Amino acid sequence: MVLLGGFSSFFGPLLGAFVFIFLQDTVMSVFPYWRLIFGAVLAFIVIFAPGGLMGLFARPRSVEVSRG
C-alpha cells in the first residue's frame, strides 16, 4: 500500500490502500489472474512514478544551487 500510494506524505499509504481495494474488487471480477495485473501496475509505478501516486500530485519543489 505504501509502495502504491507513496511514502513521502501521510496520505500516500491511505491513497494506496483505497486504490488497492478498488482495483482488487474491479479486476478480480473481470480477470482471473488479478495478481498479474497488480504486479504490472506496481512495476509501472516504481519505474515511472517513484514517489507513488501521491508523488504525481505533489508540487514540484524548487532546487536551489549554491554557488561558491
Protein backbone atom coordinates (compact mmCIF):
# COMPACT_ATOMS: atom_id res chain seq x y z
CA MET A 1 0.00 0.00 0.00
CA VAL A 2 2.86 2.34 0.82
CA LEU A 3 4.62 1.48 -2.43
CA LEU A 4 1.47 2.18 -4.40
CA GLY A 5 0.49 5.39 -2.64
CA GLY A 6 3.89 6.81 -1.78
CA PHE A 7 5.76 7.23 1.45
CA SER A 8 6.60 10.92 1.42
CA SER A 9 3.32 12.07 2.94
CA PHE A 10 0.77 10.88 5.49
CA PHE A 11 -1.96 10.41 2.89
CA GLY A 12 0.13 8.33 0.48
CA PRO A 13 -0.48 4.96 2.17
CA LEU A 14 -4.16 5.85 2.64
CA LEU A 15 -4.50 6.59 -1.07
CA GLY A 16 -2.60 3.38 -1.85
CA ALA A 17 -5.00 1.37 0.33
CA PHE A 18 -8.09 2.84 -1.34
CA VAL A 19 -6.69 2.32 -4.83
CA PHE A 20 -5.61 -1.23 -3.96
CA ILE A 21 -9.07 -2.19 -2.64
CA PHE A 22 -10.84 -0.56 -5.59
CA LEU A 23 -8.58 -2.18 -8.19
CA GLN A 24 -8.75 -5.54 -6.45
CA ASP A 25 -12.55 -5.59 -6.47
CA THR A 26 -12.76 -4.36 -10.04
CA VAL A 27 -10.03 -6.50 -11.57
CA MET A 28 -10.96 -9.68 -9.65
CA SER A 29 -14.45 -9.62 -11.08
CA VAL A 30 -13.16 -9.32 -14.66
CA PHE A 31 -9.77 -11.02 -14.81
CA PRO A 32 -8.95 -14.31 -13.04
CA TYR A 33 -5.22 -13.51 -12.82
CA TRP A 34 -5.59 -10.24 -10.94
CA ARG A 35 -2.22 -10.60 -9.23
CA LEU A 36 -0.54 -10.37 -12.63
CA ILE A 37 -2.28 -7.05 -13.23
CA PHE A 38 -1.22 -5.77 -9.81
CA GLY A 39 2.37 -6.79 -10.48
CA ALA A 40 2.33 -4.83 -13.73
CA VAL A 41 0.75 -1.79 -12.02
CA LEU A 42 3.34 -1.83 -9.22
CA ALA A 43 6.21 -2.21 -11.69
CA PHE A 44 4.83 0.71 -13.70
CA ILE A 45 4.57 2.90 -10.61
CA VAL A 46 8.06 2.04 -9.39
CA ILE A 47 9.56 2.85 -12.78
CA PHE A 48 7.55 5.90 -13.85
CA ALA A 49 6.36 7.38 -10.53
CA PRO A 50 8.96 6.61 -7.86
CA GLY A 51 7.13 8.84 -5.36
CA GLY A 52 3.97 6.73 -5.66
CA LEU A 53 0.56 8.08 -6.59
CA MET A 54 0.90 10.99 -4.17
CA GLY A 55 4.14 11.92 -5.91
CA LEU A 56 2.13 12.53 -9.07
CA PHE A 57 0.00 15.12 -7.27
CA ALA A 58 2.77 16.79 -5.27
CA ARG A 59 4.03 20.19 -6.26
CA PRO A 60 7.50 20.15 -7.71
CA ARG A 61 9.98 21.68 -5.29
CA SER A 62 12.44 24.24 -6.50
CA VAL A 63 16.05 23.23 -6.17
CA GLU A 64 18.45 25.89 -5.05
CA VAL A 65 22.01 25.59 -6.22
CA SER A 66 24.64 27.22 -4.07
CA ARG A 67 27.49 28.75 -5.97
CA GLY A 68 30.58 29.26 -4.02
